[in-house]
């Protein structure tokens, strides 16, 4: 992504980062939001949960989570989005632990708690 960011025309290529996949890649979600300042009006809000209390990295269980129910620092992400002028957040839930509408409500309620 660094190459695409640095080698592309800022007026011709904009970003729509996905918070889950940034976290899954082991990079700072907040740092990447600031990296694309001026080139992102839409962001995908998706949470990332590490579950199971594994001791060894190969035993770690990672899964999709409702926004606010995983390991992403949402207050910092939201502040960064506001700082760079993100206009829209799209909540995305690839898989749900139960009924998709329950997951949607959990994400929605948590976003309200975050002041969105």
N, C-alpha and C. Protein backbone atom coordinates (compact mmCIF):
# COMPACT_ATOMS: atom_id res chain seq x y z
N UNK A 1 0.83 -1.19 0.00
CA UNK A 1 0.00 0.00 0.00
C UNK A 1 0.87 1.25 0.00
N UNK A 2 2.03 1.16 0.63
CA UNK A 2 2.92 2.33 0.62
C UNK A 2 3.28 2.72 -0.81
N UNK A 3 3.58 1.74 -1.65
CA UNK A 3 3.94 2.04 -3.04
C UNK A 3 2.77 2.70 -3.75
N UNK A 4 1.59 2.14 -3.59
CA UNK A 4 0.40 2.73 -4.24
C UNK A 4 0.19 4.15 -3.74
N UNK A 5 0.31 4.36 -2.44
CA UNK A 5 0.14 5.69 -1.86
C UNK A 5 1.15 6.67 -2.42
N UNK A 6 2.41 6.27 -2.44
CA UNK A 6 3.48 7.18 -2.83
C UNK A 6 3.64 7.36 -4.33
N UNK A 7 3.20 6.39 -5.12
CA UNK A 7 3.42 6.45 -6.56
C UNK A 7 2.18 6.81 -7.36
N UNK A 8 1.08 7.06 -6.70
CA UNK A 8 -0.15 7.38 -7.43
C UNK A 8 -0.48 8.86 -7.32
N UNK A 9 -1.29 9.31 -8.25
CA UNK A 9 -1.74 10.70 -8.30
C UNK A 9 -2.80 10.93 -7.21
N UNK A 10 -2.52 11.82 -6.26
CA UNK A 10 -3.49 12.07 -5.18
C UNK A 10 -4.85 12.54 -5.68
N UNK A 11 -4.89 13.19 -6.84
CA UNK A 11 -6.18 13.63 -7.38
C UNK A 11 -6.91 12.51 -8.11
N UNK A 12 -6.18 11.47 -8.50
CA UNK A 12 -6.78 10.40 -9.28
C UNK A 12 -7.09 9.13 -8.53
N UNK A 13 -6.48 8.96 -7.35
CA UNK A 13 -6.69 7.73 -6.60
C UNK A 13 -6.96 8.06 -5.14
N UNK A 14 -8.13 7.65 -4.70
CA UNK A 14 -8.50 7.82 -3.29
C UNK A 14 -8.61 6.46 -2.64
N UNK A 15 -8.64 6.45 -1.33
CA UNK A 15 -8.65 5.21 -0.55
C UNK A 15 -9.97 5.05 0.20
N UNK A 16 -10.30 3.81 0.49
CA UNK A 16 -11.40 3.45 1.40
C UNK A 16 -10.84 2.33 2.27
N UNK A 17 -10.10 2.71 3.29
CA UNK A 17 -9.43 1.74 4.14
C UNK A 17 -10.44 0.87 4.88
N UNK A 18 -10.01 -0.34 5.20
CA UNK A 18 -10.80 -1.31 5.96
C UNK A 18 -10.08 -1.52 7.29
N UNK A 19 -10.71 -1.11 8.38
CA UNK A 19 -10.05 -1.14 9.69
C UNK A 19 -9.66 -2.56 10.11
N UNK A 20 -10.49 -3.53 9.81
CA UNK A 20 -10.18 -4.92 10.18
C UNK A 20 -8.90 -5.40 9.49
N UNK A 21 -8.82 -5.20 8.18
CA UNK A 21 -7.68 -5.75 7.44
C UNK A 21 -6.40 -5.00 7.74
N UNK A 22 -6.48 -3.74 8.10
CA UNK A 22 -5.28 -3.05 8.57
C UNK A 22 -4.79 -3.67 9.87
N UNK A 23 -5.71 -3.90 10.80
CA UNK A 23 -5.35 -4.53 12.07
C UNK A 23 -4.81 -5.94 11.83
N UNK A 24 -5.44 -6.68 10.93
CA UNK A 24 -5.00 -8.04 10.64
C UNK A 24 -3.59 -8.06 10.05
N UNK A 25 -3.25 -7.00 9.33
CA UNK A 25 -1.91 -6.90 8.74
C UNK A 25 -0.86 -6.50 9.77
N UNK A 26 -1.32 -6.11 10.96
CA UNK A 26 -0.38 -5.75 12.02
C UNK A 26 0.12 -4.32 11.93
N UNK A 27 -0.59 -3.48 11.19
CA UNK A 27 -0.19 -2.06 11.09
C UNK A 27 -1.15 -1.22 11.93
N UNK A 28 -0.75 0.00 12.20
CA UNK A 28 -1.59 0.90 12.97
C UNK A 28 -2.71 1.46 12.10
N UNK A 29 -3.93 1.20 12.51
CA UNK A 29 -5.09 1.74 11.78
C UNK A 29 -5.03 3.26 11.77
N UNK A 30 -4.75 3.85 12.92
CA UNK A 30 -4.71 5.31 13.04
C UNK A 30 -3.61 5.89 12.17
N UNK A 31 -2.42 5.29 12.16
CA UNK A 31 -1.33 5.79 11.32
C UNK A 31 -1.73 5.79 9.85
N UNK A 32 -2.40 4.72 9.42
CA UNK A 32 -2.80 4.65 8.01
C UNK A 32 -3.89 5.66 7.68
N UNK A 33 -4.76 5.93 8.60
CA UNK A 33 -5.77 6.97 8.35
C UNK A 33 -5.07 8.30 8.10
N UNK A 34 -4.08 8.62 8.91
CA UNK A 34 -3.35 9.89 8.71
C UNK A 34 -2.52 9.86 7.43
N UNK A 35 -2.01 8.70 7.05
CA UNK A 35 -1.22 8.61 5.81
C UNK A 35 -2.04 8.99 4.58
N UNK A 36 -3.32 8.67 4.60
CA UNK A 36 -4.15 8.93 3.42
C UNK A 36 -4.94 10.24 3.53
N UNK A 37 -4.51 11.10 4.44
CA UNK A 37 -5.19 12.39 4.60
C UNK A 37 -5.32 13.10 3.25
N UNK A 38 -6.51 13.59 2.99
CA UNK A 38 -6.79 14.26 1.72
C UNK A 38 -7.17 13.31 0.61
N UNK A 39 -7.12 12.00 0.89
CA UNK A 39 -7.40 11.01 -0.14
C UNK A 39 -8.41 9.97 0.31
N UNK A 40 -9.17 10.28 1.36
CA UNK A 40 -10.16 9.31 1.83
C UNK A 40 -11.36 10.04 2.43
N UNK A 41 -12.52 9.79 1.85
CA UNK A 41 -13.78 10.34 2.36
C UNK A 41 -14.66 9.24 2.94
N UNK A 42 -14.36 7.98 2.61
CA UNK A 42 -15.15 6.83 3.07
C UNK A 42 -14.20 5.83 3.72
N UNK A 43 -14.62 5.25 4.83
CA UNK A 43 -13.85 4.21 5.50
C UNK A 43 -14.76 3.03 5.82
N UNK A 44 -14.18 1.84 5.80
CA UNK A 44 -14.92 0.64 6.20
C UNK A 44 -14.62 0.38 7.66
N UNK A 45 -15.63 0.46 8.50
CA UNK A 45 -15.50 0.13 9.92
C UNK A 45 -15.82 -1.36 10.08
N UNK A 46 -14.83 -2.10 10.48
CA UNK A 46 -15.01 -3.53 10.75
C UNK A 46 -14.06 -3.85 11.88
N UNK A 47 -14.52 -4.57 12.88
CA UNK A 47 -13.68 -4.84 14.05
C UNK A 47 -12.97 -6.18 13.92
N UNK A 48 -11.97 -6.33 14.74
CA UNK A 48 -11.04 -7.46 14.69
C UNK A 48 -10.85 -7.96 16.11
N UNK A 49 -11.20 -9.21 16.35
CA UNK A 49 -11.09 -9.76 17.70
C UNK A 49 -10.04 -10.86 17.75
N UNK A 50 -9.25 -10.82 18.78
CA UNK A 50 -8.33 -11.91 19.09
C UNK A 50 -8.91 -12.58 20.32
N UNK A 51 -9.23 -13.84 20.18
CA UNK A 51 -9.93 -14.55 21.25
C UNK A 51 -9.19 -15.82 21.65
N UNK A 52 -9.52 -16.33 22.79
CA UNK A 52 -9.02 -17.63 23.20
C UNK A 52 -7.88 -17.62 24.19
N UNK A 53 -7.24 -16.49 24.43
CA UNK A 53 -6.18 -16.41 25.42
C UNK A 53 -4.98 -17.30 25.10
N UNK A 54 -4.64 -17.44 23.84
CA UNK A 54 -3.52 -18.29 23.43
C UNK A 54 -2.20 -17.76 23.96
N UNK A 55 -1.30 -18.66 24.26
CA UNK A 55 0.05 -18.30 24.71
C UNK A 55 0.99 -18.17 23.52
N UNK A 56 0.86 -19.07 22.55
CA UNK A 56 1.72 -19.05 21.37
C UNK A 56 0.97 -18.38 20.22
N UNK A 57 1.71 -17.60 19.41
CA UNK A 57 1.10 -16.85 18.32
C UNK A 57 0.35 -17.77 17.35
N UNK A 58 0.87 -18.97 17.11
CA UNK A 58 0.21 -19.86 16.17
C UNK A 58 -1.12 -20.41 16.70
N UNK A 59 -1.35 -20.25 18.00
CA UNK A 59 -2.61 -20.71 18.60
C UNK A 59 -3.65 -19.60 18.74
N UNK A 60 -3.30 -18.40 18.33
CA UNK A 60 -4.22 -17.27 18.45
C UNK A 60 -5.39 -17.46 17.48
N UNK A 61 -6.58 -17.23 17.97
CA UNK A 61 -7.78 -17.31 17.15
C UNK A 61 -8.23 -15.88 16.83
N UNK A 62 -8.32 -15.56 15.55
CA UNK A 62 -8.74 -14.24 15.12
C UNK A 62 -10.11 -14.37 14.44
N UNK A 63 -10.96 -13.38 14.68
CA UNK A 63 -12.27 -13.43 14.05
C UNK A 63 -12.82 -12.02 13.85
N UNK A 64 -13.81 -11.94 12.97
CA UNK A 64 -14.51 -10.68 12.78
C UNK A 64 -15.35 -10.40 14.01
N UNK A 65 -15.52 -9.14 14.32
CA UNK A 65 -16.33 -8.75 15.47
C UNK A 65 -17.17 -7.55 15.11
N UNK A 66 -18.26 -7.37 15.84
CA UNK A 66 -19.06 -6.17 15.65
C UNK A 66 -18.22 -4.95 16.04
N UNK A 67 -18.50 -3.83 15.42
CA UNK A 67 -17.77 -2.60 15.73
C UNK A 67 -17.91 -2.32 17.23
N UNK A 68 -16.77 -2.17 17.88
CA UNK A 68 -16.76 -1.90 19.31
C UNK A 68 -16.65 -3.13 20.18
N UNK A 69 -16.67 -4.32 19.58
CA UNK A 69 -16.62 -5.56 20.34
C UNK A 69 -15.29 -6.28 20.19
N UNK A 70 -14.38 -5.72 19.44
CA UNK A 70 -13.09 -6.38 19.19
C UNK A 70 -11.94 -5.64 19.85
N UNK A 71 -10.82 -5.62 19.16
CA UNK A 71 -9.58 -5.09 19.72
C UNK A 71 -9.14 -3.76 19.12
N UNK A 72 -9.91 -3.18 18.25
CA UNK A 72 -9.54 -1.90 17.64
C UNK A 72 -9.88 -0.77 18.60
N UNK A 73 -9.00 0.21 18.67
CA UNK A 73 -9.19 1.37 19.55
C UNK A 73 -10.07 2.39 18.82
N UNK A 74 -11.37 2.22 18.94
CA UNK A 74 -12.32 3.04 18.17
C UNK A 74 -12.28 4.52 18.48
N UNK A 75 -12.15 4.95 19.72
CA UNK A 75 -12.06 6.40 19.94
C UNK A 75 -10.91 7.05 19.16
N UNK A 76 -9.76 6.40 19.10
CA UNK A 76 -8.62 6.95 18.34
C UNK A 76 -8.89 6.90 16.84
N UNK A 77 -9.50 5.81 16.37
CA UNK A 77 -9.84 5.71 14.95
C UNK A 77 -10.83 6.80 14.56
N UNK A 78 -11.84 7.00 15.35
CA UNK A 78 -12.86 8.01 15.05
C UNK A 78 -12.26 9.41 15.09
N UNK A 79 -11.42 9.69 16.07
CA UNK A 79 -10.75 10.99 16.13
C UNK A 79 -9.90 11.22 14.88
N UNK A 80 -9.17 10.20 14.45
CA UNK A 80 -8.34 10.34 13.25
C UNK A 80 -9.20 10.58 12.02
N UNK A 81 -10.32 9.87 11.92
CA UNK A 81 -11.23 10.08 10.79
C UNK A 81 -11.77 11.50 10.77
N UNK A 82 -12.13 12.00 11.93
CA UNK A 82 -12.61 13.39 12.00
C UNK A 82 -11.50 14.36 11.61
N UNK A 83 -10.28 14.09 12.09
CA UNK A 83 -9.15 14.98 11.81
C UNK A 83 -8.86 15.11 10.32
N UNK A 84 -9.01 14.01 9.57
CA UNK A 84 -8.65 14.08 8.15
C UNK A 84 -9.86 14.35 7.25
N UNK A 85 -11.04 14.45 7.82
CA UNK A 85 -12.21 14.81 7.02
C UNK A 85 -12.96 13.66 6.39
N UNK A 86 -12.90 12.47 7.00
CA UNK A 86 -13.71 11.36 6.50
C UNK A 86 -15.18 11.74 6.66
N UNK A 87 -15.95 11.51 5.61
CA UNK A 87 -17.36 11.90 5.62
C UNK A 87 -18.32 10.75 5.92
N UNK A 88 -17.92 9.53 5.54
CA UNK A 88 -18.82 8.39 5.68
C UNK A 88 -18.06 7.18 6.22
N UNK A 89 -18.71 6.46 7.13
CA UNK A 89 -18.18 5.18 7.62
C UNK A 89 -19.19 4.11 7.25
N UNK A 90 -18.71 3.09 6.60
CA UNK A 90 -19.56 1.97 6.21
C UNK A 90 -19.26 0.82 7.16
N UNK A 91 -20.25 0.38 7.90
CA UNK A 91 -20.07 -0.76 8.80
C UNK A 91 -20.15 -2.03 7.97
N UNK A 92 -19.13 -2.85 8.14
CA UNK A 92 -19.06 -4.09 7.38
C UNK A 92 -18.85 -5.24 8.36
N UNK A 93 -19.59 -6.30 8.17
CA UNK A 93 -19.47 -7.49 9.03
C UNK A 93 -19.39 -8.69 8.09
N UNK A 94 -18.19 -9.22 7.88
CA UNK A 94 -18.03 -10.33 6.93
C UNK A 94 -18.76 -11.58 7.38
N UNK A 95 -18.58 -11.96 8.62
CA UNK A 95 -19.31 -13.08 9.18
C UNK A 95 -19.86 -12.66 10.53
N UNK A 96 -20.94 -13.25 10.91
CA UNK A 96 -21.60 -12.90 12.17
C UNK A 96 -21.66 -14.13 13.06
N UNK A 97 -21.54 -13.93 14.37
CA UNK A 97 -21.63 -15.07 15.28
C UNK A 97 -23.06 -15.62 15.40
N UNK A 98 -24.03 -14.83 14.99
CA UNK A 98 -25.43 -15.24 15.06
C UNK A 98 -26.20 -14.55 13.96
N UNK A 99 -27.34 -14.03 14.31
CA UNK A 99 -28.20 -13.32 13.36
C UNK A 99 -27.51 -12.04 12.88
N UNK A 100 -27.41 -11.81 11.58
CA UNK A 100 -26.75 -10.61 11.07
C UNK A 100 -27.38 -9.31 11.56
N UNK A 101 -28.69 -9.32 11.76
CA UNK A 101 -29.35 -8.11 12.23
C UNK A 101 -28.99 -7.80 13.68
N UNK A 102 -28.72 -8.83 14.47
CA UNK A 102 -28.23 -8.62 15.84
C UNK A 102 -26.84 -7.98 15.80
N UNK A 103 -25.99 -8.47 14.91
CA UNK A 103 -24.64 -7.90 14.77
C UNK A 103 -24.72 -6.44 14.33
N UNK A 104 -25.60 -6.16 13.39
CA UNK A 104 -25.79 -4.78 12.93
C UNK A 104 -26.22 -3.87 14.06
N UNK A 105 -27.14 -4.34 14.88
CA UNK A 105 -27.61 -3.52 16.01
C UNK A 105 -26.49 -3.29 17.02
N UNK A 106 -25.69 -4.30 17.30
CA UNK A 106 -24.57 -4.13 18.22
C UNK A 106 -23.61 -3.07 17.69
N UNK A 107 -23.24 -3.17 16.42
CA UNK A 107 -22.35 -2.18 15.82
C UNK A 107 -22.96 -0.79 15.87
N UNK A 108 -24.22 -0.69 15.50
CA UNK A 108 -24.92 0.60 15.50
C UNK A 108 -24.94 1.21 16.90
N UNK A 109 -25.33 0.41 17.89
CA UNK A 109 -25.39 0.91 19.28
C UNK A 109 -24.01 1.35 19.76
N UNK A 110 -22.98 0.60 19.42
CA UNK A 110 -21.63 0.98 19.83
C UNK A 110 -21.18 2.27 19.14
N UNK A 111 -21.53 2.44 17.88
CA UNK A 111 -21.17 3.67 17.19
C UNK A 111 -21.85 4.87 17.84
N UNK A 112 -23.09 4.69 18.27
CA UNK A 112 -23.77 5.77 18.99
C UNK A 112 -23.03 6.10 20.28
N UNK A 113 -22.56 5.07 20.99
CA UNK A 113 -21.79 5.29 22.22
C UNK A 113 -20.51 6.06 21.95
N UNK A 114 -19.92 5.85 20.74
CA UNK A 114 -18.70 6.55 20.36
C UNK A 114 -18.97 7.97 19.88
N UNK A 115 -20.24 8.35 19.82
CA UNK A 115 -20.58 9.71 19.42
C UNK A 115 -20.77 9.93 17.94
N UNK A 116 -21.03 8.86 17.23
CA UNK A 116 -21.26 9.00 15.77
C UNK A 116 -22.73 9.12 15.47
